[in-house]
PDB file of N, CA and C in Angstrom:
ATOM      1  N   UNK A   1      -6.081  19.535  -6.406  1.00  0.00           N
ATOM      2  CA  UNK A   1      -6.523  18.158  -6.658  1.00  0.00           C
ATOM      3  C   UNK A   1      -5.945  17.651  -8.211  1.00  0.00           C
ATOM      4  N   UNK A   2      -5.608  16.514  -8.245  1.00  0.00           N
ATOM      5  CA  UNK A   2      -4.802  15.925  -9.397  1.00  0.00           C
ATOM      6  C   UNK A   2      -5.600  14.662  -9.616  1.00  0.00           C
ATOM      7  N   UNK A   3      -6.869  14.676 -10.404  1.00  0.00           N
ATOM      8  CA  UNK A   3      -7.478  13.393 -10.745  1.00  0.00           C
ATOM      9  C   UNK A   3      -7.249  12.690 -11.830  1.00  0.00           C
ATOM     10  N   UNK A   4      -6.891  11.327 -11.674  1.00  0.00           N
ATOM     11  CA  UNK A   4      -6.511  10.566 -12.857  1.00  0.00           C
ATOM     12  C   UNK A   4      -7.566   9.347 -13.123  1.00  0.00           C
ATOM     13  N   UNK A   5      -7.551   8.646 -13.898  1.00  0.00           N
ATOM     14  CA  UNK A   5      -8.660   7.546 -13.941  1.00  0.00           C
ATOM     15  C   UNK A   5      -8.105   6.089 -13.405  1.00  0.00           C
ATOM     16  N   UNK A   6      -8.760   5.301 -13.179  1.00  0.00           N
ATOM     17  CA  UNK A   6      -8.456   4.221 -12.289  1.00  0.00           C
ATOM     18  C   UNK A   6      -7.180   3.320 -13.062  1.00  0.00           C
ATOM     19  N   UNK A   7      -7.308   3.103 -14.319  1.00  0.00           N
ATOM     20  CA  UNK A   7      -6.258   2.506 -15.003  1.00  0.00           C
ATOM     21  C   UNK A   7      -4.843   3.146 -14.951  1.00  0.00           C
ATOM     22  N   UNK A   8      -4.847   4.441 -14.967  1.00  0.00           N
ATOM     23  CA  UNK A   8      -3.563   4.944 -14.879  1.00  0.00           C
ATOM     24  C   UNK A   8      -3.172   4.867 -13.366  1.00  0.00           C
ATOM     25  N   UNK A   9      -3.925   5.092 -12.480  1.00  0.00           N
ATOM     26  CA  UNK A   9      -3.659   5.130 -11.031  1.00  0.00           C
ATOM     27  C   UNK A   9      -3.215   3.460 -10.757  1.00  0.00           C
ATOM     28  N   UNK A  10      -3.862   2.731 -11.312  1.00  0.00           N
ATOM     29  CA  UNK A  10      -3.229   1.189 -10.881  1.00  0.00           C
ATOM     30  C   UNK A  10      -2.129   0.956 -11.703  1.00  0.00           C
ATOM     31  N   UNK A  11      -1.663   1.557 -12.721  1.00  0.00           N
ATOM     32  CA  UNK A  11      -0.292   1.436 -13.500  1.00  0.00           C
ATOM     33  C   UNK A  11       0.739   2.159 -12.421  1.00  0.00           C
ATOM     34  N   UNK A  12       0.296   3.442 -12.064  1.00  0.00           N
ATOM     35  CA  UNK A  12       1.300   4.057 -11.145  1.00  0.00           C
ATOM     36  C   UNK A  12       1.438   3.303  -9.576  1.00  0.00           C
ATOM     37  N   UNK A  13       0.314   2.440  -9.053  1.00  0.00           N
ATOM     38  CA  UNK A  13       0.635   1.613  -8.046  1.00  0.00           C
ATOM     39  C   UNK A  13       1.622   0.392  -8.429  1.00  0.00           C
ATOM     40  N   UNK A  14       1.312  -0.244  -9.367  1.00  0.00           N
ATOM     41  CA  UNK A  14       2.138  -1.249  -9.868  1.00  0.00           C
ATOM     42  C   UNK A  14       3.518  -0.635 -10.214  1.00  0.00           C
ATOM     43  N   UNK A  15       3.844   0.403 -10.468  1.00  0.00           N
ATOM     44  CA  UNK A  15       5.345   0.974 -10.654  1.00  0.00           C
ATOM     45  C   UNK A  15       5.683   1.260  -9.293  1.00  0.00           C
ATOM     46  N   UNK A  16       5.166   1.529  -8.473  1.00  0.00           N
ATOM     47  CA  UNK A  16       5.343   1.673  -6.826  1.00  0.00           C
ATOM     48  C   UNK A  16       5.803   0.273  -6.479  1.00  0.00           C
ATOM     49  N   UNK A  17       5.250  -0.641  -6.642  1.00  0.00           N
ATOM     50  CA  UNK A  17       5.471  -2.158  -6.078  1.00  0.00           C
ATOM     51  C   UNK A  17       6.483  -2.526  -7.146  1.00  0.00           C
ATOM     52  N   UNK A  18       6.632  -2.425  -8.267  1.00  0.00           N
ATOM     53  CA  UNK A  18       8.122  -2.774  -8.827  1.00  0.00           C
ATOM     54  C   UNK A  18       9.305  -1.836  -8.295  1.00  0.00           C
ATOM     55  N   UNK A  19       9.235  -0.640  -7.687  1.00  0.00           N
ATOM     56  CA  UNK A  19      10.126  -0.061  -7.512  1.00  0.00           C
ATOM     57  C   UNK A  19      10.818  -0.456  -6.084  1.00  0.00           C
ATOM     58  N   UNK A  20       9.779  -1.227  -5.284  1.00  0.00           N
ATOM     59  CA  UNK A  20      10.376  -2.004  -3.979  1.00  0.00           C
ATOM     60  C   UNK A  20      11.667  -2.526  -4.313  1.00  0.00           C
ATOM     61  N   UNK A  21      12.575  -2.983  -3.315  1.00  0.00           N
ATOM     62  CA  UNK A  21      13.665  -3.512  -3.563  1.00  0.00           C
ATOM     63  C   UNK A  21      13.212  -5.178  -3.981  1.00  0.00           C
ATOM     64  N   UNK A  22      14.004  -5.736  -4.926  1.00  0.00           N
ATOM     65  CA  UNK A  22      13.948  -7.253  -5.412  1.00  0.00           C
ATOM     66  C   UNK A  22      13.741  -8.164  -4.177  1.00  0.00           C
ATOM     67  N   UNK A  23      14.460  -7.961  -3.160  1.00  0.00           N
ATOM     68  CA  UNK A  23      14.683  -8.832  -1.813  1.00  0.00           C
ATOM     69  C   UNK A  23      13.588  -8.763  -1.241  1.00  0.00           C
ATOM     70  N   UNK A  24      12.871  -7.356  -0.959  1.00  0.00           N
ATOM     71  CA  UNK A  24      11.765  -7.184  -0.227  1.00  0.00           C
ATOM     72  C   UNK A  24      10.582  -7.925  -0.778  1.00  0.00           C
ATOM     73  N   UNK A  25      10.395  -7.322  -2.303  1.00  0.00           N
ATOM     74  CA  UNK A  25       9.231  -8.099  -2.717  1.00  0.00           C
ATOM     75  C   UNK A  25       9.401  -9.957  -2.925  1.00  0.00           C
ATOM     76  N   UNK A  26      10.682 -10.276  -2.986  1.00  0.00           N
ATOM     77  CA  UNK A  26      10.428 -11.842  -2.873  1.00  0.00           C
ATOM     78  C   UNK A  26      10.274 -12.405  -1.264  1.00  0.00           C
ATOM     79  N   UNK A  27      10.367 -11.379  -0.545  1.00  0.00           N
ATOM     80  CA  UNK A  27       9.987 -11.973   0.984  1.00  0.00           C
ATOM     81  C   UNK A  27       8.274 -11.669   1.264  1.00  0.00           C
ATOM     82  N   UNK A  28       7.556 -10.828   0.257  1.00  0.00           N
ATOM     83  CA  UNK A  28       6.065 -10.764   0.472  1.00  0.00           C
ATOM     84  C   UNK A  28       5.490 -11.939   0.234  1.00  0.00           C
ATOM     85  N   UNK A  29       4.661 -12.333   1.103  1.00  0.00           N
ATOM     86  CA  UNK A  29       3.938 -13.771   1.118  1.00  0.00           C
ATOM     87  C   UNK A  29       2.370 -13.609   1.133  1.00  0.00           C
ATOM     88  N   UNK A  30       1.869 -14.193   0.227  1.00  0.00           N
ATOM     89  CA  UNK A  30       0.311 -14.537   0.027  1.00  0.00           C
ATOM     90  C   UNK A  30      -0.426 -13.128   0.478  1.00  0.00           C
ATOM     91  N   UNK A  31      -0.114 -12.026  -0.434  1.00  0.00           N
ATOM     92  CA  UNK A  31      -0.547 -10.733  -0.289  1.00  0.00           C
ATOM     93  C   UNK A  31      -1.017 -10.200  -1.660  1.00  0.00           C
ATOM     94  N   UNK A  32      -2.402  -9.600  -1.631  1.00  0.00           N
ATOM     95  CA  UNK A  32      -2.827  -9.143  -2.952  1.00  0.00           C
ATOM     96  C   UNK A  32      -2.811  -7.542  -2.532  1.00  0.00           C
ATOM     97  N   UNK A  33      -2.507  -6.684  -3.818  1.00  0.00           N
ATOM     98  CA  UNK A  33      -2.674  -5.216  -3.649  1.00  0.00           C
ATOM     99  C   UNK A  33      -3.826  -4.775  -4.606  1.00  0.00           C
ATOM    100  N   UNK A  34      -4.752  -4.171  -4.088  1.00  0.00           N
ATOM    101  CA  UNK A  34      -5.921  -3.763  -5.007  1.00  0.00           C
ATOM    102  C   UNK A  34      -6.099  -2.054  -5.033  1.00  0.00           C
ATOM    103  N   UNK A  35      -6.621  -1.711  -5.771  1.00  0.00           N
ATOM    104  CA  UNK A  35      -7.130  -0.158  -5.794  1.00  0.00           C
ATOM    105  C   UNK A  35      -8.480   0.010  -5.721  1.00  0.00           C
ATOM    106  N   UNK A  36      -9.085   0.809  -4.834  1.00  0.00           N
ATOM    107  CA  UNK A  36     -10.250   0.967  -4.616  1.00  0.00           C
ATOM    108  C   UNK A  36     -10.552   2.624  -4.741  1.00  0.00           C
ATOM    109  N   UNK A  37     -11.682   3.143  -5.114  1.00  0.00           N
ATOM    110  CA  UNK A  37     -11.740   4.754  -4.993  1.00  0.00           C
ATOM    111  C   UNK A  37     -11.558   5.145  -3.563  1.00  0.00           C
ATOM    112  N   UNK A  38     -12.107   4.732  -2.688  1.00  0.00           N
ATOM    113  CA  UNK A  38     -12.071   5.248  -1.454  1.00  0.00           C
ATOM    114  C   UNK A  38     -12.560   4.345  -0.235  1.00  0.00           C
ATOM    115  N   UNK A  39     -12.155   4.387   0.974  1.00  0.00           N
ATOM    116  CA  UNK A  39     -12.818   3.542   1.965  1.00  0.00           C
ATOM    117  C   UNK A  39     -14.235   4.335   2.374  1.00  0.00           C
ATOM    118  N   UNK A  40     -14.981   2.895   2.781  1.00  0.00           N
ATOM    119  CA  UNK A  40     -16.279   3.341   2.806  1.00  0.00           C
ATOM    120  C   UNK A  40     -16.762   4.151   4.088  1.00  0.00           C
ATOM    121  N   UNK A  41     -15.925   4.058   4.884  1.00  0.00           N
ATOM    122  CA  UNK A  41     -16.234   4.716   6.498  1.00  0.00           C
ATOM    123  C   UNK A  41     -15.006   5.900   6.736  1.00  0.00           C
ATOM    124  N   UNK A  42     -13.827   5.574   6.561  1.00  0.00           N
ATOM    125  CA  UNK A  42     -12.787   6.359   6.922  1.00  0.00           C
ATOM    126  C   UNK A  42     -12.241   7.180   5.893  1.00  0.00           C
ATOM    127  N   UNK A  43     -11.393   8.299   6.181  1.00  0.00           N
ATOM    128  CA  UNK A  43     -10.762   9.096   5.372  1.00  0.00           C
ATOM    129  C   UNK A  43      -9.307   8.412   5.184  1.00  0.00           C
ATOM    130  N   UNK A  44      -9.004   7.229   4.300  1.00  0.00           N
ATOM    131  CA  UNK A  44      -7.716   6.774   4.603  1.00  0.00           C
ATOM    132  C   UNK A  44      -6.936   6.638   3.003  1.00  0.00           C
ATOM    133  N   UNK A  45      -5.736   6.667   3.032  1.00  0.00           N
ATOM    134  CA  UNK A  45      -5.050   6.759   1.528  1.00  0.00           C
ATOM    135  C   UNK A  45      -4.872   5.219   1.428  1.00  0.00           C
ATOM    136  N   UNK A  46      -4.702   4.320   2.319  1.00  0.00           N
ATOM    137  CA  UNK A  46      -4.172   2.954   2.329  1.00  0.00           C
ATOM    138  C   UNK A  46      -4.624   2.308   3.534  1.00  0.00           C
ATOM    139  N   UNK A  47      -4.703   1.025   3.197  1.00  0.00           N
ATOM    140  CA  UNK A  47      -5.053   0.119   4.218  1.00  0.00           C
ATOM    141  C   UNK A  47      -4.431  -1.402   4.019  1.00  0.00           C
ATOM    142  N   UNK A  48      -3.988  -1.919   5.320  1.00  0.00           N
ATOM    143  CA  UNK A  48      -3.354  -3.343   5.197  1.00  0.00           C
ATOM    144  C   UNK A  48      -4.226  -4.125   6.158  1.00  0.00           C
ATOM    145  N   UNK A  49      -4.786  -5.230   5.516  1.00  0.00           N
ATOM    146  CA  UNK A  49      -5.604  -6.065   6.155  1.00  0.00           C
ATOM    147  C   UNK A  49      -5.047  -7.484   6.322  1.00  0.00           C
ATOM    148  N   UNK A  50      -4.701  -8.230   7.180  1.00  0.00           N
ATOM    149  CA  UNK A  50      -4.086  -9.471   7.378  1.00  0.00           C
ATOM    150  C   UNK A  50      -3.347  -9.482   8.643  1.00  0.00           C
ATOM    151  N   UNK A  51      -2.398 -10.745   8.362  1.00  0.00           N
ATOM    152  CA  UNK A  51      -1.823 -11.077   9.665  1.00  0.00           C
ATOM    153  C   UNK A  51      -0.155 -10.727   9.036  1.00  0.00           C
ATOM    154  N   UNK A  52       0.418  -9.877   9.668  1.00  0.00           N
ATOM    155  CA  UNK A  52       2.079  -9.738   9.460  1.00  0.00           C
ATOM    156  C   UNK A  52       2.887 -10.584   9.513  1.00  0.00           C
ATOM    157  N   UNK A  53       4.007 -10.829   8.693  1.00  0.00           N
ATOM    158  CA  UNK A  53       4.698 -12.000   8.569  1.00  0.00           C
ATOM    159  C   UNK A  53       5.294 -12.233  10.142  1.00  0.00           C
ATOM    160  N   UNK A  54       5.537 -11.145  10.930  1.00  0.00           N
ATOM    161  CA  UNK A  54       6.173 -11.507  12.261  1.00  0.00           C
ATOM    162  C   UNK A  54       5.366 -12.041  13.097  1.00  0.00           C
ATOM    163  N   UNK A  55       3.907 -12.264  12.865  1.00  0.00           N
ATOM    164  CA  UNK A  55       2.787 -12.859  13.847  1.00  0.00           C
ATOM    165  C   UNK A  55       2.407 -14.119  13.357  1.00  0.00           C
ATOM    166  N   UNK A  56       2.908 -14.537  11.995  1.00  0.00           N
ATOM    167  CA  UNK A  56       2.265 -15.585  11.592  1.00  0.00           C
ATOM    168  C   UNK A  56       3.171 -16.930  11.911  1.00  0.00           C
ATOM    169  N   UNK A  57       2.219 -17.956  12.351  1.00  0.00           N
ATOM    170  CA  UNK A  57       2.888 -19.458  13.017  1.00  0.00           C
ATOM    171  C   UNK A  57       2.716 -20.446  11.645  1.00  0.00           C
ATOM    172  N   UNK A  58       1.661 -21.084  11.762  1.00  0.00           N
ATOM    173  CA  UNK A  58       1.607 -21.948  10.775  1.00  0.00           C
ATOM    174  C   UNK A  58       0.716 -21.576   9.662  1.00  0.00           C
ATOM    175  N   UNK A  59       0.756 -20.766   8.872  1.00  0.00           N
ATOM    176  CA  UNK A  59       0.301 -20.104   7.677  1.00  0.00           C
ATOM    177  C   UNK A  59       0.229 -20.880   6.431  1.00  0.00           C
ATOM    178  N   UNK A  60      -0.702 -21.697   6.338  1.00  0.00           N
ATOM    179  CA  UNK A  60      -0.538 -22.717   5.296  1.00  0.00           C
ATOM    180  C   UNK A  60      -1.389 -22.081   4.062  1.00  0.00           C
ATOM    181  N   UNK A  61      -1.097 -22.645   2.717  1.00  0.00           N
ATOM    182  CA  UNK A  61      -1.381 -22.498   1.424  1.00  0.00           C
ATOM    183  C   UNK A  61      -3.198 -22.025   1.450  1.00  0.00           C
ATOM    184  N   UNK A  62      -3.735 -22.583   2.315  1.00  0.00           N
ATOM    185  CA  UNK A  62      -5.470 -22.169   2.166  1.00  0.00           C
ATOM    186  C   UNK A  62      -5.921 -21.011   3.035  1.00  0.00           C
ATOM    187  N   UNK A  63      -4.943 -20.237   3.635  1.00  0.00           N
ATOM    188  CA  UNK A  63      -5.285 -19.012   4.089  1.00  0.00           C
ATOM    189  C   UNK A  63      -5.552 -17.834   2.983  1.00  0.00           C
ATOM    190  N   UNK A  64      -6.826 -17.062   3.366  1.00  0.00           N
ATOM    191  CA  UNK A  64      -6.928 -16.150   2.232  1.00  0.00           C
ATOM    192  C   UNK A  64      -5.570 -15.024   2.425  1.00  0.00           C
ATOM    193  N   UNK A  65      -5.298 -14.589   1.327  1.00  0.00           N
ATOM    194  CA  UNK A  65      -4.239 -13.470   1.087  1.00  0.00           C
ATOM    195  C   UNK A  65      -4.562 -12.136   2.068  1.00  0.00           C
ATOM    196  N   UNK A  66      -3.314 -11.747   2.709  1.00  0.00           N
ATOM    197  CA  UNK A  66      -3.548 -10.545   3.210  1.00  0.00           C
ATOM    198  C   UNK A  66      -3.845  -9.625   1.964  1.00  0.00           C
ATOM    199  N   UNK A  67      -4.331  -8.309   2.361  1.00  0.00           N
ATOM    200  CA  UNK A  67      -4.582  -7.443   1.471  1.00  0.00           C
ATOM    201  C   UNK A  67      -4.320  -5.950   1.705  1.00  0.00           C
ATOM    202  N   UNK A  68      -3.839  -5.300   0.763  1.00  0.00           N
ATOM    203  CA  UNK A  68      -3.100  -3.967   0.944  1.00  0.00           C
ATOM    204  C   UNK A  68      -4.095  -3.038  -0.257  1.00  0.00           C
ATOM    205  N   UNK A  69      -4.824  -2.269   0.332  1.00  0.00           N
ATOM    206  CA  UNK A  69      -5.757  -1.491  -0.423  1.00  0.00           C
ATOM    207  C   UNK A  69      -5.284   0.173  -0.563  1.00  0.00           C
ATOM    208  N   UNK A  70      -5.117   0.274  -1.768  1.00  0.00           N
ATOM    209  CA  UNK A  70      -4.774   1.974  -2.047  1.00  0.00           C
ATOM    210  C   UNK A  70      -5.848   2.682  -2.521  1.00  0.00           C
ATOM    211  N   UNK A  71      -6.234   3.866  -1.869  1.00  0.00           N
ATOM    212  CA  UNK A  71      -7.305   4.517  -2.387  1.00  0.00           C
ATOM    213  C   UNK A  71      -7.126   5.874  -3.083  1.00  0.00           C
ATOM    214  N   UNK A  72      -7.552   5.437  -4.545  1.00  0.00           N
ATOM    215  CA  UNK A  72      -7.463   6.685  -5.423  1.00  0.00           C
ATOM    216  C   UNK A  72      -7.650   7.963  -4.999  1.00  0.00           C
ATOM    217  N   UNK A  73      -9.227   8.190  -4.943  1.00  0.00           N
ATOM    218  CA  UNK A  73      -9.702   9.383  -4.702  1.00  0.00           C
ATOM    219  C   UNK A  73      -8.869  10.394  -3.369  1.00  0.00           C
ATOM    220  N   UNK A  74      -8.929   9.876  -2.435  1.00  0.00           N
ATOM    221  CA  UNK A  74      -8.155  10.731  -1.206  1.00  0.00           C
ATOM    222  C   UNK A  74      -6.681  11.025  -1.727  1.00  0.00           C
ATOM    223  N   UNK A  75      -6.267   9.900  -2.262  1.00  0.00           N
ATOM    224  CA  UNK A  75      -4.715  10.370  -2.734  1.00  0.00           C
ATOM    225  C   UNK A  75      -4.686  11.490  -3.779  1.00  0.00           C
ATOM    226  N   UNK A  76      -5.559  11.412  -4.888  1.00  0.00           N
ATOM    227  CA  UNK A  76      -5.552  12.490  -5.940  1.00  0.00           C
ATOM    228  C   UNK A  76      -5.920  13.679  -5.080  1.00  0.00           C
ATOM    229  N   UNK A  77      -6.805  13.522  -4.169  1.00  0.00           N
ATOM    230  CA  UNK A  77      -7.366  14.769  -3.634  1.00  0.00           C
ATOM    231  C   UNK A  77      -6.122  15.642  -2.962  1.00  0.00           C
ATOM    232  N   UNK A  78      -5.265  15.132  -2.329  1.00  0.00           N
ATOM    233  CA  UNK A  78      -4.020  16.015  -1.711  1.00  0.00           C
ATOM    234  C   UNK A  78      -2.738  15.949  -2.681  1.00  0.00           C
ATOM    235  N   UNK A  79      -3.111  15.758  -3.899  1.00  0.00           N
ATOM    236  CA  UNK A  79      -1.755  16.076  -5.020  1.00  0.00           C
ATOM    237  C   UNK A  79      -2.234  17.135  -5.793  1.00  0.00           C
ATOM    238  N   UNK A  80      -1.227  17.669  -6.324  1.00  0.00           N
ATOM    239  CA  UNK A  80      -1.410  18.726  -7.304  1.00  0.00           C
ATOM    240  C   UNK A  80      -1.010  18.395  -8.829  1.00  0.00           C
ATOM    241  N   UNK A  81      -0.300  17.483  -8.871  1.00  0.00           N
ATOM    242  CA  UNK A  81       0.505  17.115 -10.234  1.00  0.00           C
ATOM    243  C   UNK A  81       0.738  15.565 -10.121  1.00  0.00           C
ATOM    244  N   UNK A  82       1.054  14.914 -11.332  1.00  0.00           N
ATOM    245  CA  UNK A  82       1.395  13.503 -11.472  1.00  0.00           C
ATOM    246  C   UNK A  82       2.635  13.196 -10.656  1.00  0.00           C
ATOM    247  N   UNK A  83       3.484  14.231 -10.308  1.00  0.00           N
ATOM    248  CA  UNK A  83       4.797  13.984  -9.675  1.00  0.00           C
ATOM    249  C   UNK A  83       4.476  13.735  -8.359  1.00  0.00           C
ATOM    250  N   UNK A  84       3.743  14.692  -7.544  1.00  0.00           N
ATOM    251  CA  UNK A  84       3.009  14.466  -6.388  1.00  0.00           C
ATOM    252  C   UNK A  84       2.169  13.250  -6.205  1.00  0.00           C
ATOM    253  N   UNK A  85       1.508  12.817  -7.160  1.00  0.00           N
ATOM    254  CA  UNK A  85       0.779  11.536  -7.243  1.00  0.00           C
ATOM    255  C   UNK A  85       1.746  10.383  -6.854  1.00  0.00           C
ATOM    256  N   UNK A  86       2.784  10.373  -7.815  1.00  0.00           N
ATOM    257  CA  UNK A  86       3.638   9.027  -7.653  1.00  0.00           C
ATOM    258  C   UNK A  86       4.329   9.186  -6.457  1.00  0.00           C
ATOM    259  N   UNK A  87       4.637  10.283  -5.841  1.00  0.00           N
ATOM    260  CA  UNK A  87       5.291  10.361  -4.584  1.00  0.00           C
ATOM    261  C   UNK A  87       4.331  10.024  -3.521  1.00  0.00           C
ATOM    262  N   UNK A  88       3.245  10.208  -3.376  1.00  0.00           N
ATOM    263  CA  UNK A  88       2.148   9.965  -2.637  1.00  0.00           C
ATOM    264  C   UNK A  88       1.678   8.465  -2.517  1.00  0.00           C
ATOM    265  N   UNK A  89       1.593   7.980  -3.773  1.00  0.00           N
ATOM    266  CA  UNK A  89       1.755   6.584  -4.026  1.00  0.00           C
ATOM    267  C   UNK A  89       2.397   5.670  -3.466  1.00  0.00           C
ATOM    268  N   UNK A  90       3.926   6.176  -3.698  1.00  0.00           N
ATOM    269  CA  UNK A  90       4.872   5.197  -3.232  1.00  0.00           C
ATOM    270  C   UNK A  90       4.915   5.172  -1.849  1.00  0.00           C
ATOM    271  N   UNK A  91       4.763   6.289  -1.230  1.00  0.00           N
ATOM    272  CA  UNK A  91       4.721   6.431   0.492  1.00  0.00           C
ATOM    273  C   UNK A  91       3.523   5.636   0.902  1.00  0.00           C
ATOM    274  N   UNK A  92       2.312   5.573   0.632  1.00  0.00           N
ATOM    275  CA  UNK A  92       1.186   4.729   0.867  1.00  0.00           C
ATOM    276  C   UNK A  92       1.618   3.335   0.362  1.00  0.00           C
ATOM    277  N   UNK A  93       2.231   2.806  -0.349  1.00  0.00           N
ATOM    278  CA  UNK A  93       2.538   1.481  -0.803  1.00  0.00           C
ATOM    279  C   UNK A  93       3.446   0.992   0.224  1.00  0.00           C
ATOM    280  N   UNK A  94       4.676   1.868   0.385  1.00  0.00           N
ATOM    281  CA  UNK A  94       5.573   1.294   1.271  1.00  0.00           C
ATOM    282  C   UNK A  94       5.006   1.332   2.655  1.00  0.00           C
ATOM    283  N   UNK A  95       4.165   2.363   3.170  1.00  0.00           N
ATOM    284  CA  UNK A  95       3.403   2.011   4.322  1.00  0.00           C
ATOM    285  C   UNK A  95       2.822   0.823   4.646  1.00  0.00           C
ATOM    286  N   UNK A  96       1.834   0.579   3.777  1.00  0.00           N
ATOM    287  CA  UNK A  96       1.047  -0.602   3.796  1.00  0.00           C
ATOM    288  C   UNK A  96       1.852  -2.136   3.677  1.00  0.00           C
ATOM    289  N   UNK A  97       2.615  -1.676   2.911  1.00  0.00           N
ATOM    290  CA  UNK A  97       3.582  -3.017   2.656  1.00  0.00           C
ATOM    291  C   UNK A  97       4.485  -3.334   3.889  1.00  0.00           C
ATOM    292  N   UNK A  98       4.741  -2.115   4.762  1.00  0.00           N
ATOM    293  CA  UNK A  98       5.689  -2.395   5.959  1.00  0.00           C
ATOM    294  C   UNK A  98       4.517  -2.776   6.970  1.00  0.00           C
ATOM    295  N   UNK A  99       3.568  -2.835   7.144  1.00  0.00           N
ATOM    296  CA  UNK A  99       2.849  -3.405   7.820  1.00  0.00           C
ATOM    297  C   UNK A  99       2.560  -4.974   7.791  1.00  0.00           C
ATOM    298  N   UNK A 100       2.648  -5.207   6.541  1.00  0.00           N
ATOM    299  CA  UNK A 100       2.810  -6.676   6.123  1.00  0.00           C
ATOM    300  C   UNK A 100       3.963  -7.276   6.840  1.00  0.00           C
ATOM    301  N   UNK A 101       4.952  -6.609   6.871  1.00  0.00           N
ATOM    302  CA  UNK A 101       6.392  -6.908   7.422  1.00  0.00           C
ATOM    303  C   UNK A 101       6.373  -6.525   9.028  1.00  0.00           C
ATOM    304  N   UNK A 102       4.947  -6.588   9.553  1.00  0.00           N
ATOM    305  CA  UNK A 102       5.114  -6.324  10.940  1.00  0.00           C
ATOM    306  C   UNK A 102       5.800  -4.820  11.535  1.00  0.00           C
ATOM    307  N   UNK A 103       5.801  -3.743  10.683  1.00  0.00           N
ATOM    308  CA  UNK A 103       6.277  -2.418  11.151  1.00  0.00           C
ATOM    309  C   UNK A 103       5.124  -1.703  11.320  1.00  0.00           C
ATOM    310  N   UNK A 104       4.950  -1.173  12.593  1.00  0.00           N
ATOM    311  CA  UNK A 104       3.951  -0.156  13.120  1.00  0.00           C
ATOM    312  C   UNK A 104       3.874   1.195  12.487  1.00  0.00           C
ATOM    313  N   UNK A 105       2.943   1.979  12.994  1.00  0.00           N
ATOM    314  CA  UNK A 105       2.923   3.303  12.526  1.00  0.00           C
ATOM    315  C   UNK A 105       4.119   4.196  13.207  1.00  0.00           C
ATOM    316  N   UNK A 106       4.094   3.711  14.483  1.00  0.00           N
ATOM    317  CA  UNK A 106       5.152   4.509  15.114  1.00  0.00           C
ATOM    318  C   UNK A 106       6.503   4.451  14.675  1.00  0.00           C
ATOM    319  N   UNK A 107       6.947   3.252  14.399  1.00  0.00           N
ATOM    320  CA  UNK A 107       7.928   2.860  13.737  1.00  0.00           C
ATOM    321  C   UNK A 107       8.265   3.613  12.289  1.00  0.00           C
ATOM    322  N   UNK A 108       7.277   3.531  11.372  1.00  0.00           N
ATOM    323  CA  UNK A 108       6.987   4.204  10.114  1.00  0.00           C
ATOM    324  C   UNK A 108       7.179   5.881  10.295  1.00  0.00           C
ATOM    325  N   UNK A 109       6.453   6.251  11.373  1.00  0.00           N
ATOM    326  CA  UNK A 109       6.592   7.703  11.678  1.00  0.00           C
ATOM    327  C   UNK A 109       8.081   7.899  11.882  1.00  0.00           C
ATOM    328  N   UNK A 110       8.707   7.366  13.019  1.00  0.00           N
ATOM    329  CA  UNK A 110      10.197   7.662  13.111  1.00  0.00           C
ATOM    330  C   UNK A 110      11.077   7.528  12.156  1.00  0.00           C
ATOM    331  N   UNK A 111      10.910   6.672  11.014  1.00  0.00           N
ATOM    332  CA  UNK A 111      11.675   6.522   9.960  1.00  0.00           C
ATOM    333  C   UNK A 111      11.222   7.543   8.750  1.00  0.00           C
ATOM    334  N   UNK A 112      10.214   8.416   8.893  1.00  0.00           N
ATOM    335  CA  UNK A 112       9.655   9.425   8.074  1.00  0.00           C
ATOM    336  C   UNK A 112       8.576   8.910   6.845  1.00  0.00           C
ATOM    337  N   UNK A 113       8.377   7.630   7.118  1.00  0.00           N
ATOM    338  CA  UNK A 113       7.229   7.179   6.078  1.00  0.00           C
ATOM    339  C   UNK A 113       5.750   7.224   6.404  1.00  0.00           C
ATOM    340  N   UNK A 114       5.451   8.753   6.801  1.00  0.00           N
ATOM    341  CA  UNK A 114       4.036   8.797   7.263  1.00  0.00           C
ATOM    342  C   UNK A 114       3.519  10.273   6.473  1.00  0.00           C
TER     343      UNK A 114
END
């Protein structure tokens, strides 16, 4: 286990988001990325909640943003050092953002993002 505080973890999540290709970031629409310690009911590293871009029809400006949550404690629990942590945060961010673009778990698995 490699435990870091919330502020440092949030900074690493921000770095992972910044590492996404700029063109991909420009296509992300009405989405919030947040960090929480852990999911209350399930053992998850991350969670996407919302309507994928591929399923949106008339998605106006009054809609609540989609939400990607990255869970700090479960990720810290499976990592041995900060390099592992950076890698796992990146995989989790890519995985959840991919759901925003309508990419399912099976496709992510096939692409090696699991």
